Structure formats: C-alpha cells, structure tokens
PDB file of N, CA and C in Angstrom:
ATOM      1  N   UNK A   1     123.851  98.361   1.823  1.00  0.00           N
ATOM      2  CA  UNK A   1     122.957  99.194   1.058  1.00  0.00           C
ATOM      3  C   UNK A   1     123.604 100.548   0.778  1.00  0.00           C
ATOM      4  N   UNK A   2     124.865 100.525   0.534  1.00  0.00           N
ATOM      5  CA  UNK A   2     125.562 101.770   0.200  1.00  0.00           C
ATOM      6  C   UNK A   2     125.703 101.935  -1.301  1.00  0.00           C
ATOM      7  N   UNK A   3     124.754 101.393  -2.036  1.00  0.00           N
ATOM      8  CA  UNK A   3     124.778 101.495  -3.496  1.00  0.00           C
ATOM      9  C   UNK A   3     124.442 102.933  -3.886  1.00  0.00           C
ATOM     10  N   UNK A   4     125.353 103.617  -4.558  1.00  0.00           N
ATOM     11  CA  UNK A   4     125.091 105.016  -4.928  1.00  0.00           C
ATOM     12  C   UNK A   4     123.968 105.146  -5.954  1.00  0.00           C
ATOM     13  N   UNK A   5     123.594 104.016  -6.620  1.00  0.00           N
ATOM     14  CA  UNK A   5     122.524 104.081  -7.609  1.00  0.00           C
ATOM     15  C   UNK A   5     121.160 104.193  -6.938  1.00  0.00           C
ATOM     16  N   UNK A   6     121.063 103.806  -5.647  1.00  0.00           N
ATOM     17  CA  UNK A   6     119.787 103.889  -4.920  1.00  0.00           C
ATOM     18  C   UNK A   6     119.656 105.272  -4.287  1.00  0.00           C
ATOM     19  N   UNK A   7     118.579 105.926  -4.587  1.00  0.00           N
ATOM     20  CA  UNK A   7     118.347 107.239  -3.992  1.00  0.00           C
ATOM     21  C   UNK A   7     117.718 107.073  -2.616  1.00  0.00           C
ATOM     22  N   UNK A   8     117.690 108.139  -1.897  1.00  0.00           N
ATOM     23  CA  UNK A   8     117.024 108.129  -0.585  1.00  0.00           C
ATOM     24  C   UNK A   8     115.555 107.762  -0.759  1.00  0.00           C
ATOM     25  N   UNK A   9     114.932 108.233  -1.811  1.00  0.00           N
ATOM     26  CA  UNK A   9     113.537 107.915  -2.086  1.00  0.00           C
ATOM     27  C   UNK A   9     113.363 106.424  -2.332  1.00  0.00           C
ATOM     28  N   UNK A  10     114.271 105.787  -3.050  1.00  0.00           N
ATOM     29  CA  UNK A  10     114.203 104.338  -3.270  1.00  0.00           C
ATOM     30  C   UNK A  10     114.295 103.588  -1.946  1.00  0.00           C
ATOM     31  N   UNK A  11     115.190 104.037  -1.088  1.00  0.00           N
ATOM     32  CA  UNK A  11     115.356 103.387   0.211  1.00  0.00           C
ATOM     33  C   UNK A  11     114.105 103.549   1.076  1.00  0.00           C
ATOM     34  N   UNK A  12     113.508 104.707   1.036  1.00  0.00           N
ATOM     35  CA  UNK A  12     112.289 104.929   1.818  1.00  0.00           C
ATOM     36  C   UNK A  12     111.132 104.082   1.297  1.00  0.00           C
ATOM     37  N   UNK A  13     111.039 103.914  -0.007  1.00  0.00           N
ATOM     38  CA  UNK A  13     109.990 103.060  -0.570  1.00  0.00           C
ATOM     39  C   UNK A  13     110.219 101.595  -0.191  1.00  0.00           C
ATOM     40  N   UNK A  14     111.464 101.178  -0.166  1.00  0.00           N
ATOM     41  CA  UNK A  14     111.793  99.820   0.287  1.00  0.00           C
ATOM     42  C   UNK A  14     111.366  99.649   1.748  1.00  0.00           C
ATOM     43  N   UNK A  15     111.707 100.614   2.583  1.00  0.00           N
ATOM     44  CA  UNK A  15     111.319 100.574   3.992  1.00  0.00           C
ATOM     45  C   UNK A  15     109.807 100.514   4.131  1.00  0.00           C
ATOM     46  N   UNK A  16     109.101 101.264   3.321  1.00  0.00           N
ATOM     47  CA  UNK A  16     107.643 101.267   3.367  1.00  0.00           C
ATOM     48  C   UNK A  16     107.090  99.872   3.051  1.00  0.00           C
ATOM     49  N   UNK A  17     107.620  99.182   2.049  1.00  0.00           N
ATOM     50  CA  UNK A  17     107.161  97.834   1.700  1.00  0.00           C
ATOM     51  C   UNK A  17     107.419  96.856   2.850  1.00  0.00           C
ATOM     52  N   UNK A  18     108.578  96.984   3.479  1.00  0.00           N
ATOM     53  CA  UNK A  18     108.893  96.120   4.622  1.00  0.00           C
ATOM     54  C   UNK A  18     107.907  96.370   5.753  1.00  0.00           C
ATOM     55  N   UNK A  19     107.641  97.618   6.045  1.00  0.00           N
ATOM     56  CA  UNK A  19     106.726  97.947   7.131  1.00  0.00           C
ATOM     57  C   UNK A  19     105.293  97.539   6.812  1.00  0.00           C
ATOM     58  N   UNK A  20     104.874  97.642   5.561  1.00  0.00           N
ATOM     59  CA  UNK A  20     103.537  97.179   5.174  1.00  0.00           C
ATOM     60  C   UNK A  20     103.427  95.672   5.382  1.00  0.00           C
ATOM     61  N   UNK A  21     104.484  94.945   5.053  1.00  0.00           N
ATOM     62  CA  UNK A  21     104.491  93.493   5.297  1.00  0.00           C
ATOM     63  C   UNK A  21     104.388  93.183   6.775  1.00  0.00           C
ATOM     64  N   UNK A  22     105.148  93.935   7.587  1.00  0.00           N
ATOM     65  CA  UNK A  22     105.083  93.741   9.041  1.00  0.00           C
ATOM     66  C   UNK A  22     103.689  94.050   9.576  1.00  0.00           C
ATOM     67  N   UNK A  23     103.092  95.134   9.087  1.00  0.00           N
ATOM     68  CA  UNK A  23     101.756  95.511   9.539  1.00  0.00           C
ATOM     69  C   UNK A  23     100.725  94.454   9.143  1.00  0.00           C
ATOM     70  N   UNK A  24     100.828  93.941   7.919  1.00  0.00           N
ATOM     71  CA  UNK A  24      99.899  92.897   7.477  1.00  0.00           C
ATOM     72  C   UNK A  24     100.038  91.653   8.347  1.00  0.00           C
ATOM     73  N   UNK A  25     101.253  91.265   8.693  1.00  0.00           N
ATOM     74  CA  UNK A  25     101.481  90.101   9.555  1.00  0.00           C
ATOM     75  C   UNK A  25     100.887  90.345  10.943  1.00  0.00           C
ATOM     76  N   UNK A  26     101.101  91.535  11.479  1.00  0.00           N
ATOM     77  CA  UNK A  26     100.558  91.870  12.799  1.00  0.00           C
ATOM     78  C   UNK A  26      99.034  91.826  12.777  1.00  0.00           C
ATOM     79  N   UNK A  27      98.434  92.302  11.715  1.00  0.00           N
ATOM     80  CA  UNK A  27      96.973  92.274  11.601  1.00  0.00           C
ATOM     81  C   UNK A  27      96.459  90.846  11.512  1.00  0.00           C
ATOM     82  N   UNK A  28      97.198  89.953  10.848  1.00  0.00           N
ATOM     83  CA  UNK A  28      96.806  88.532  10.801  1.00  0.00           C
ATOM     84  C   UNK A  28      96.885  87.930  12.199  1.00  0.00           C
ATOM     85  N   UNK A  29      97.931  88.264  12.930  1.00  0.00           N
ATOM     86  CA  UNK A  29      98.061  87.756  14.301  1.00  0.00           C
ATOM     87  C   UNK A  29      96.897  88.229  15.164  1.00  0.00           C
ATOM     88  N   UNK A  30      96.544  89.503  15.019  1.00  0.00           N
ATOM     89  CA  UNK A  30      95.421  90.058  15.789  1.00  0.00           C
ATOM     90  C   UNK A  30      94.126  89.334  15.413  1.00  0.00           C
ATOM     91  N   UNK A  31      93.891  89.127  14.121  1.00  0.00           N
ATOM     92  CA  UNK A  31      92.678  88.437  13.669  1.00  0.00           C
ATOM     93  C   UNK A  31      92.640  87.015  14.223  1.00  0.00           C
ATOM     94  N   UNK A  32      93.785  86.330  14.241  1.00  0.00           N
ATOM     95  CA  UNK A  32      93.841  84.969  14.797  1.00  0.00           C
ATOM     96  C   UNK A  32      93.495  84.975  16.282  1.00  0.00           C
ATOM     97  N   UNK A  33      94.045  85.922  17.036  1.00  0.00           N
ATOM     98  CA  UNK A  33      93.765  86.000  18.474  1.00  0.00           C
ATOM     99  C   UNK A  33      92.303  86.340  18.735  1.00  0.00           C
ATOM    100  N   UNK A  34      91.722  87.224  17.915  1.00  0.00           N
ATOM    101  CA  UNK A  34      90.303  87.553  18.075  1.00  0.00           C
ATOM    102  C   UNK A  34      89.434  86.331  17.794  1.00  0.00           C
ATOM    103  N   UNK A  35      89.785  85.560  16.770  1.00  0.00           N
ATOM    104  CA  UNK A  35      89.046  84.335  16.453  1.00  0.00           C
ATOM    105  C   UNK A  35      89.134  83.343  17.611  1.00  0.00           C
ATOM    106  N   UNK A  36      90.338  83.157  18.155  1.00  0.00           N
ATOM    107  CA  UNK A  36      90.518  82.236  19.284  1.00  0.00           C
ATOM    108  C   UNK A  36      89.696  82.679  20.490  1.00  0.00           C
ATOM    109  N   UNK A  37      89.665  83.979  20.751  1.00  0.00           N
ATOM    110  CA  UNK A  37      88.893  84.496  21.881  1.00  0.00           C
ATOM    111  C   UNK A  37      87.400  84.263  21.673  1.00  0.00           C
ATOM    112  N   UNK A  38      86.910  84.485  20.446  1.00  0.00           N
ATOM    113  CA  UNK A  38      85.486  84.215  20.157  1.00  0.00           C
ATOM    114  C   UNK A  38      85.166  82.740  20.362  1.00  0.00           C
ATOM    115  N   UNK A  39      86.061  81.861  19.909  1.00  0.00           N
ATOM    116  CA  UNK A  39      85.853  80.424  20.078  1.00  0.00           C
ATOM    117  C   UNK A  39      85.855  80.043  21.556  1.00  0.00           C
ATOM    118  N   UNK A  40      86.765  80.649  22.331  1.00  0.00           N
ATOM    119  CA  UNK A  40      86.831  80.363  23.765  1.00  0.00           C
ATOM    120  C   UNK A  40      85.539  80.800  24.452  1.00  0.00           C
ATOM    121  N   UNK A  41      85.056  81.992  24.102  1.00  0.00           N
ATOM    122  CA  UNK A  41      83.816  82.489  24.700  1.00  0.00           C
ATOM    123  C   UNK A  41      82.618  81.638  24.295  1.00  0.00           C
ATOM    124  N   UNK A  42      82.580  81.206  23.042  1.00  0.00           N
ATOM    125  CA  UNK A  42      81.487  80.342  22.587  1.00  0.00           C
ATOM    126  C   UNK A  42      81.527  79.014  23.327  1.00  0.00           C
ATOM    127  N   UNK A  43      82.723  78.485  23.560  1.00  0.00           N
ATOM    128  CA  UNK A  43      82.860  77.235  24.306  1.00  0.00           C
ATOM    129  C   UNK A  43      82.388  77.384  25.741  1.00  0.00           C
ATOM    130  N   UNK A  44      82.727  78.508  26.365  1.00  0.00           N
ATOM    131  CA  UNK A  44      82.269  78.752  27.738  1.00  0.00           C
ATOM    132  C   UNK A  44      80.757  78.881  27.804  1.00  0.00           C
ATOM    133  N   UNK A  45      80.177  79.570  26.818  1.00  0.00           N
ATOM    134  CA  UNK A  45      78.725  79.762  26.809  1.00  0.00           C
ATOM    135  C   UNK A  45      77.998  78.437  26.585  1.00  0.00           C
ATOM    136  N   UNK A  46      78.612  77.537  25.838  1.00  0.00           N
ATOM    137  CA  UNK A  46      77.975  76.253  25.539  1.00  0.00           C
ATOM    138  C   UNK A  46      78.177  75.222  26.645  1.00  0.00           C
ATOM    139  N   UNK A  47      79.094  75.486  27.566  1.00  0.00           N
ATOM    140  CA  UNK A  47      79.376  74.538  28.644  1.00  0.00           C
ATOM    141  C   UNK A  47      78.174  74.448  29.578  1.00  0.00           C
ATOM    142  N   UNK A  48      77.744  73.235  29.898  1.00  0.00           N
ATOM    143  CA  UNK A  48      76.599  73.114  30.808  1.00  0.00           C
ATOM    144  C   UNK A  48      76.967  73.595  32.216  1.00  0.00           C
ATOM    145  N   UNK A  49      75.974  74.053  32.927  1.00  0.00           N
ATOM    146  CA  UNK A  49      76.190  74.504  34.304  1.00  0.00           C
ATOM    147  C   UNK A  49      76.573  73.304  35.167  1.00  0.00           C
ATOM    148  N   UNK A  50      77.408  73.517  36.177  1.00  0.00           N
ATOM    149  CA  UNK A  50      77.753  72.396  37.058  1.00  0.00           C
ATOM    150  C   UNK A  50      76.525  71.943  37.838  1.00  0.00           C
ATOM    151  N   UNK A  51      76.476  70.675  38.215  1.00  0.00           N
ATOM    152  CA  UNK A  51      75.337  70.205  39.005  1.00  0.00           C
ATOM    153  C   UNK A  51      75.338  70.887  40.374  1.00  0.00           C
ATOM    154  N   UNK A  52      74.180  70.899  41.010  1.00  0.00           N
ATOM    155  CA  UNK A  52      74.081  71.538  42.330  1.00  0.00           C
ATOM    156  C   UNK A  52      74.793  70.729  43.405  1.00  0.00           C
ATOM    157  N   UNK A  53      74.803  69.407  43.251  1.00  0.00           N
ATOM    158  CA  UNK A  53      75.377  68.526  44.271  1.00  0.00           C
ATOM    159  C   UNK A  53      76.182  67.421  43.607  1.00  0.00           C
ATOM    160  N   UNK A  54      77.220  66.956  44.299  1.00  0.00           N
ATOM    161  CA  UNK A  54      78.073  65.893  43.771  1.00  0.00           C
ATOM    162  C   UNK A  54      78.263  64.800  44.818  1.00  0.00           C
ATOM    163  N   UNK A  55      78.258  63.559  44.354  1.00  0.00           N
ATOM    164  CA  UNK A  55      78.682  62.430  45.176  1.00  0.00           C
ATOM    165  C   UNK A  55      80.020  61.974  44.603  1.00  0.00           C
ATOM    166  N   UNK A  56      81.008  61.856  45.463  1.00  0.00           N
ATOM    167  CA  UNK A  56      82.335  61.419  45.030  1.00  0.00           C
ATOM    168  C   UNK A  56      82.512  59.950  45.397  1.00  0.00           C
ATOM    169  N   UNK A  57      82.991  59.184  44.436  1.00  0.00           N
ATOM    170  CA  UNK A  57      83.183  57.752  44.622  1.00  0.00           C
ATOM    171  C   UNK A  57      84.665  57.430  44.686  1.00  0.00           C
ATOM    172  N   UNK A  58      84.983  56.276  45.299  1.00  0.00           N
ATOM    173  CA  UNK A  58      86.356  55.824  45.410  1.00  0.00           C
ATOM    174  C   UNK A  58      86.840  55.156  44.131  1.00  0.00           C
ATOM    175  N   UNK A  59      87.986  54.488  44.224  1.00  0.00           N
ATOM    176  CA  UNK A  59      88.605  53.857  43.063  1.00  0.00           C
ATOM    177  C   UNK A  59      87.809  52.676  42.528  1.00  0.00           C
ATOM    178  N   UNK A  60      87.179  51.929  43.405  1.00  0.00           N
ATOM    179  CA  UNK A  60      86.407  50.763  42.994  1.00  0.00           C
ATOM    180  C   UNK A  60      85.103  51.234  42.352  1.00  0.00           C
ATOM    181  N   UNK A  61      84.823  50.794  41.133  1.00  0.00           N
ATOM    182  CA  UNK A  61      83.632  51.292  40.446  1.00  0.00           C
ATOM    183  C   UNK A  61      82.335  50.856  41.106  1.00  0.00           C
ATOM    184  N   UNK A  62      82.388  49.821  41.953  1.00  0.00           N
ATOM    185  CA  UNK A  62      81.191  49.364  42.656  1.00  0.00           C
ATOM    186  C   UNK A  62      81.116  49.933  44.073  1.00  0.00           C
ATOM    187  N   UNK A  63      82.054  50.814  44.405  1.00  0.00           N
ATOM    188  CA  UNK A  63      82.129  51.355  45.767  1.00  0.00           C
ATOM    189  C   UNK A  63      80.983  52.319  46.045  1.00  0.00           C
ATOM    190  N   UNK A  64      80.666  52.450  47.309  1.00  0.00           N
ATOM    191  CA  UNK A  64      79.686  53.434  47.744  1.00  0.00           C
ATOM    192  C   UNK A  64      80.348  54.809  47.733  1.00  0.00           C
ATOM    193  N   UNK A  65      79.550  55.870  47.720  1.00  0.00           N
ATOM    194  CA  UNK A  65      80.148  57.212  47.733  1.00  0.00           C
ATOM    195  C   UNK A  65      80.936  57.426  49.015  1.00  0.00           C
ATOM    196  N   UNK A  66      82.027  58.200  48.912  1.00  0.00           N
ATOM    197  CA  UNK A  66      82.827  58.468  50.100  1.00  0.00           C
ATOM    198  C   UNK A  66      82.817  59.937  50.510  1.00  0.00           C
ATOM    199  N   UNK A  67      82.192  60.807  49.710  1.00  0.00           N
ATOM    200  CA  UNK A  67      82.102  62.225  50.070  1.00  0.00           C
ATOM    201  C   UNK A  67      80.960  62.885  49.306  1.00  0.00           C
ATOM    202  N   UNK A  68      80.424  63.929  49.923  1.00  0.00           N
ATOM    203  CA  UNK A  68      79.373  64.748  49.310  1.00  0.00           C
ATOM    204  C   UNK A  68      79.933  66.154  49.150  1.00  0.00           C
ATOM    205  N   UNK A  69      79.670  66.764  47.988  1.00  0.00           N
ATOM    206  CA  UNK A  69      80.164  68.119  47.700  1.00  0.00           C
ATOM    207  C   UNK A  69      79.043  68.977  47.145  1.00  0.00           C
ATOM    208  N   UNK A  70      79.183  70.286  47.315  1.00  0.00           N
ATOM    209  CA  UNK A  70      78.356  71.247  46.599  1.00  0.00           C
ATOM    210  C   UNK A  70      78.885  71.271  45.166  1.00  0.00           C
ATOM    211  N   UNK A  71      78.018  71.376  44.179  1.00  0.00           N
ATOM    212  CA  UNK A  71      78.458  71.408  42.785  1.00  0.00           C
ATOM    213  C   UNK A  71      79.494  72.496  42.556  1.00  0.00           C
ATOM    214  N   UNK A  72      80.535  72.168  41.802  1.00  0.00           N
ATOM    215  CA  UNK A  72      81.590  73.132  41.523  1.00  0.00           C
ATOM    216  C   UNK A  72      82.661  73.203  42.595  1.00  0.00           C
ATOM    217  N   UNK A  73      82.582  72.368  43.617  1.00  0.00           N
ATOM    218  CA  UNK A  73      83.593  72.371  44.683  1.00  0.00           C
ATOM    219  C   UNK A  73      84.952  72.011  44.088  1.00  0.00           C
ATOM    220  N   UNK A  74      85.967  72.787  44.428  1.00  0.00           N
ATOM    221  CA  UNK A  74      87.313  72.538  43.898  1.00  0.00           C
ATOM    222  C   UNK A  74      87.943  71.267  44.463  1.00  0.00           C
ATOM    223  N   UNK A  75      87.390  70.731  45.528  1.00  0.00           N
ATOM    224  CA  UNK A  75      87.950  69.525  46.144  1.00  0.00           C
ATOM    225  C   UNK A  75      87.310  68.240  45.609  1.00  0.00           C
ATOM    226  N   UNK A  76      86.264  68.363  44.815  1.00  0.00           N
ATOM    227  CA  UNK A  76      85.604  67.173  44.269  1.00  0.00           C
ATOM    228  C   UNK A  76      86.557  66.478  43.301  1.00  0.00           C
ATOM    229  N   UNK A  77      86.654  65.180  43.424  1.00  0.00           N
ATOM    230  CA  UNK A  77      87.545  64.413  42.563  1.00  0.00           C
ATOM    231  C   UNK A  77      86.930  64.130  41.206  1.00  0.00           C
ATOM    232  N   UNK A  78      87.718  63.476  40.365  1.00  0.00           N
ATOM    233  CA  UNK A  78      87.266  63.165  39.003  1.00  0.00           C
ATOM    234  C   UNK A  78      86.185  62.100  38.986  1.00  0.00           C
ATOM    235  N   UNK A  79      86.075  61.340  40.053  1.00  0.00           N
ATOM    236  CA  UNK A  79      85.066  60.282  40.108  1.00  0.00           C
ATOM    237  C   UNK A  79      83.823  60.774  40.849  1.00  0.00           C
ATOM    238  N   UNK A  80      83.380  61.976  40.512  1.00  0.00           N
ATOM    239  CA  UNK A  80      82.182  62.558  41.120  1.00  0.00           C
ATOM    240  C   UNK A  80      81.036  62.532  40.127  1.00  0.00           C
ATOM    241  N   UNK A  81      79.842  62.449  40.673  1.00  0.00           N
ATOM    242  CA  UNK A  81      78.646  62.362  39.841  1.00  0.00           C
ATOM    243  C   UNK A  81      77.616  63.358  40.354  1.00  0.00           C
ATOM    244  N   UNK A  82      76.990  64.102  39.448  1.00  0.00           N
ATOM    245  CA  UNK A  82      75.956  65.058  39.823  1.00  0.00           C
ATOM    246  C   UNK A  82      74.691  64.351  40.277  1.00  0.00           C
ATOM    247  N   UNK A  83      74.114  64.820  41.372  1.00  0.00           N
ATOM    248  CA  UNK A  83      72.893  64.216  41.921  1.00  0.00           C
ATOM    249  C   UNK A  83      71.962  65.321  42.414  1.00  0.00           C
ATOM    250  N   UNK A  84      70.735  64.921  42.774  1.00  0.00           N
ATOM    251  CA  UNK A  84      69.771  65.890  43.295  1.00  0.00           C
ATOM    252  C   UNK A  84      69.928  66.023  44.815  1.00  0.00           C
ATOM    253  N   UNK A  85      69.242  67.014  45.375  1.00  0.00           N
ATOM    254  CA  UNK A  85      69.395  67.302  46.807  1.00  0.00           C
ATOM    255  C   UNK A  85      68.861  66.169  47.687  1.00  0.00           C
ATOM    256  N   UNK A  86      67.826  65.482  47.239  1.00  0.00           N
ATOM    257  CA  UNK A  86      67.289  64.373  48.043  1.00  0.00           C
ATOM    258  C   UNK A  86      68.304  63.243  48.159  1.00  0.00           C
ATOM    259  N   UNK A  87      68.999  62.941  47.079  1.00  0.00           N
ATOM    260  CA  UNK A  87      70.041  61.906  47.106  1.00  0.00           C
ATOM    261  C   UNK A  87      71.159  62.315  48.050  1.00  0.00           C
ATOM    262  N   UNK A  88      71.500  63.593  48.044  1.00  0.00           N
ATOM    263  CA  UNK A  88      72.545  64.097  48.944  1.00  0.00           C
ATOM    264  C   UNK A  88      72.093  63.974  50.390  1.00  0.00           C
ATOM    265  N   UNK A  89      70.862  64.321  50.673  1.00  0.00           N
ATOM    266  CA  UNK A  89      70.337  64.205  52.052  1.00  0.00           C
ATOM    267  C   UNK A  89      70.398  62.749  52.529  1.00  0.00           C
ATOM    268  N   UNK A  90      69.991  61.828  51.661  1.00  0.00           N
ATOM    269  CA  UNK A  90      70.031  60.406  52.036  1.00  0.00           C
ATOM    270  C   UNK A  90      71.475  59.944  52.264  1.00  0.00           C
ATOM    271  N   UNK A  91      72.386  60.393  51.424  1.00  0.00           N
ATOM    272  CA  UNK A  91      73.786  59.995  51.568  1.00  0.00           C
ATOM    273  C   UNK A  91      74.367  60.527  52.878  1.00  0.00           C
ATOM    274  N   UNK A  92      74.078  61.768  53.198  1.00  0.00           N
ATOM    275  CA  UNK A  92      74.568  62.340  54.455  1.00  0.00           C
ATOM    276  C   UNK A  92      73.961  61.606  55.650  1.00  0.00           C
ATOM    277  N   UNK A  93      72.677  61.286  55.576  1.00  0.00           N
ATOM    278  CA  UNK A  93      72.009  60.554  56.660  1.00  0.00           C
ATOM    279  C   UNK A  93      72.584  59.151  56.806  1.00  0.00           C
ATOM    280  N   UNK A  94      73.070  58.581  55.704  1.00  0.00           N
ATOM    281  CA  UNK A  94      73.649  57.234  55.735  1.00  0.00           C
ATOM    282  C   UNK A  94      75.105  57.244  56.194  1.00  0.00           C
ATOM    283  N   UNK A  95      75.654  58.415  56.468  1.00  0.00           N
ATOM    284  CA  UNK A  95      77.005  58.488  57.003  1.00  0.00           C
ATOM    285  C   UNK A  95      78.099  58.860  56.016  1.00  0.00           C
ATOM    286  N   UNK A  96      77.727  59.217  54.788  1.00  0.00           N
ATOM    287  CA  UNK A  96      78.738  59.670  53.833  1.00  0.00           C
ATOM    288  C   UNK A  96      79.258  61.014  54.319  1.00  0.00           C
ATOM    289  N   UNK A  97      80.571  61.195  54.295  1.00  0.00           N
ATOM    290  CA  UNK A  97      81.186  62.419  54.822  1.00  0.00           C
ATOM    291  C   UNK A  97      80.866  63.621  53.951  1.00  0.00           C
ATOM    292  N   UNK A  98      80.631  64.749  54.618  1.00  0.00           N
ATOM    293  CA  UNK A  98      80.448  66.021  53.919  1.00  0.00           C
ATOM    294  C   UNK A  98      81.820  66.653  53.723  1.00  0.00           C
ATOM    295  N   UNK A  99      82.050  67.220  52.570  1.00  0.00           N
ATOM    296  CA  UNK A  99      83.312  67.905  52.286  1.00  0.00           C
ATOM    297  C   UNK A  99      83.496  69.032  53.299  1.00  0.00           C
ATOM    298  N   UNK A 100      84.701  69.134  53.853  1.00  0.00           N
ATOM    299  CA  UNK A 100      84.965  70.171  54.854  1.00  0.00           C
ATOM    300  C   UNK A 100      85.262  71.526  54.217  1.00  0.00           C
ATOM    301  N   UNK A 101      85.393  71.555  52.891  1.00  0.00           N
ATOM    302  CA  UNK A 101      85.665  72.817  52.210  1.00  0.00           C
ATOM    303  C   UNK A 101      84.384  73.510  51.765  1.00  0.00           C
ATOM    304  N   UNK A 102      83.489  72.761  51.120  1.00  0.00           N
ATOM    305  CA  UNK A 102      82.267  73.384  50.590  1.00  0.00           C
ATOM    306  C   UNK A 102      81.069  73.235  51.531  1.00  0.00           C
ATOM    307  N   UNK A 103      81.156  72.355  52.513  1.00  0.00           N
ATOM    308  CA  UNK A 103      80.139  72.156  53.558  1.00  0.00           C
ATOM    309  C   UNK A 103      78.716  71.985  53.009  1.00  0.00           C
ATOM    310  N   UNK A 104      78.468  70.911  52.257  1.00  0.00           N
ATOM    311  CA  UNK A 104      77.117  70.703  51.724  1.00  0.00           C
ATOM    312  C   UNK A 104      76.087  70.487  52.823  1.00  0.00           C
ATOM    313  N   UNK A 105      76.500  69.932  53.955  1.00  0.00           N
ATOM    314  CA  UNK A 105      75.554  69.727  55.065  1.00  0.00           C
ATOM    315  C   UNK A 105      75.044  71.068  55.584  1.00  0.00           C
ATOM    316  N   UNK A 106      75.932  72.033  55.724  1.00  0.00           N
ATOM    317  CA  UNK A 106      75.508  73.369  56.167  1.00  0.00           C
ATOM    318  C   UNK A 106      74.637  74.035  55.113  1.00  0.00           C
ATOM    319  N   UNK A 107      75.004  73.847  53.859  1.00  0.00           N
ATOM    320  CA  UNK A 107      74.236  74.412  52.744  1.00  0.00           C
ATOM    321  C   UNK A 107      72.803  73.890  52.735  1.00  0.00           C
ATOM    322  N   UNK A 108      72.622  72.626  53.140  1.00  0.00           N
ATOM    323  CA  UNK A 108      71.289  72.017  53.181  1.00  0.00           C
ATOM    324  C   UNK A 108      70.586  72.236  54.526  1.00  0.00           C
ATOM    325  N   UNK A 109      71.291  72.806  55.483  1.00  0.00           N
ATOM    326  CA  UNK A 109      70.697  73.040  56.799  1.00  0.00           C
ATOM    327  C   UNK A 109      70.698  71.797  57.670  1.00  0.00           C
ATOM    328  N   UNK A 110      71.569  70.846  57.381  1.00  0.00           N
ATOM    329  CA  UNK A 110      71.674  69.613  58.169  1.00  0.00           C
ATOM    330  C   UNK A 110      72.811  69.799  59.173  1.00  0.00           C
ATOM    331  N   UNK A 111      72.506  69.624  60.429  1.00  0.00           N
ATOM    332  CA  UNK A 111      73.527  69.767  61.463  1.00  0.00           C
ATOM    333  C   UNK A 111      73.875  68.405  62.023  1.00  0.00           C
ATOM    334  N   UNK A 112      75.136  68.241  62.430  1.00  0.00           N
ATOM    335  CA  UNK A 112      75.585  66.964  63.004  1.00  0.00           C
ATOM    336  C   UNK A 112      74.911  66.674  64.319  1.00  0.00           C
TER     337      UNK A 112
END
C-alpha cells in the first residue's frame, strides 16, 4: 500500500470500512450468542421438574427394582422411573436397597 496516489485520508477511510465490517461481524456474533442463551433459558424453564422419588431397574426389562433414589440423585441410572412416596415405602419394606448417596430411607424417616 505504498501507492503515492493514495492519500493518508484515503487510507484512513479504507481502515474505517474494514473496522465497520469487523464491528458488524462482532455484533452478529453477539446477537447469535444472545439468541442461543435465550433458547437455553427457555428450554430450562420448559423442562419438567424431576420426580420426588425414583426406582432404578436392572438390565432385564421384567426385573424388579434394584435401588431406590431421591429424585434428581446423581447416582440414579438411566433405567430409573419416577414414582410416588408410597411406592418407595413399599419397595424399601420389600428389601429394595436405598441409595447410599441420597439416602431416601432417611428422607422418608425409615430406619433399618
């Protein structure tokens, strides 16, 4: 860009156009991120609340439950099903193990 026909003013105007393009691109990126954040928040708001209690089942689809969890327990497996507190009480009374992390038996006031 050592063309003597270009004045300093021409070069500054060129720089301004480049920077306006950069600013417009940055603003599009910001708008995209804001849209993604709104969508993420809307998805979280629409997500149903976790069940209060979970029964975890083994690999066999006809198997009896093998563990009881408090809803939202990080140790509950993918084969867990939300149930009511009465079902959990019956399962614990029938000998289904209580999760040692979330302690649903203690949560229900059931002692060994």
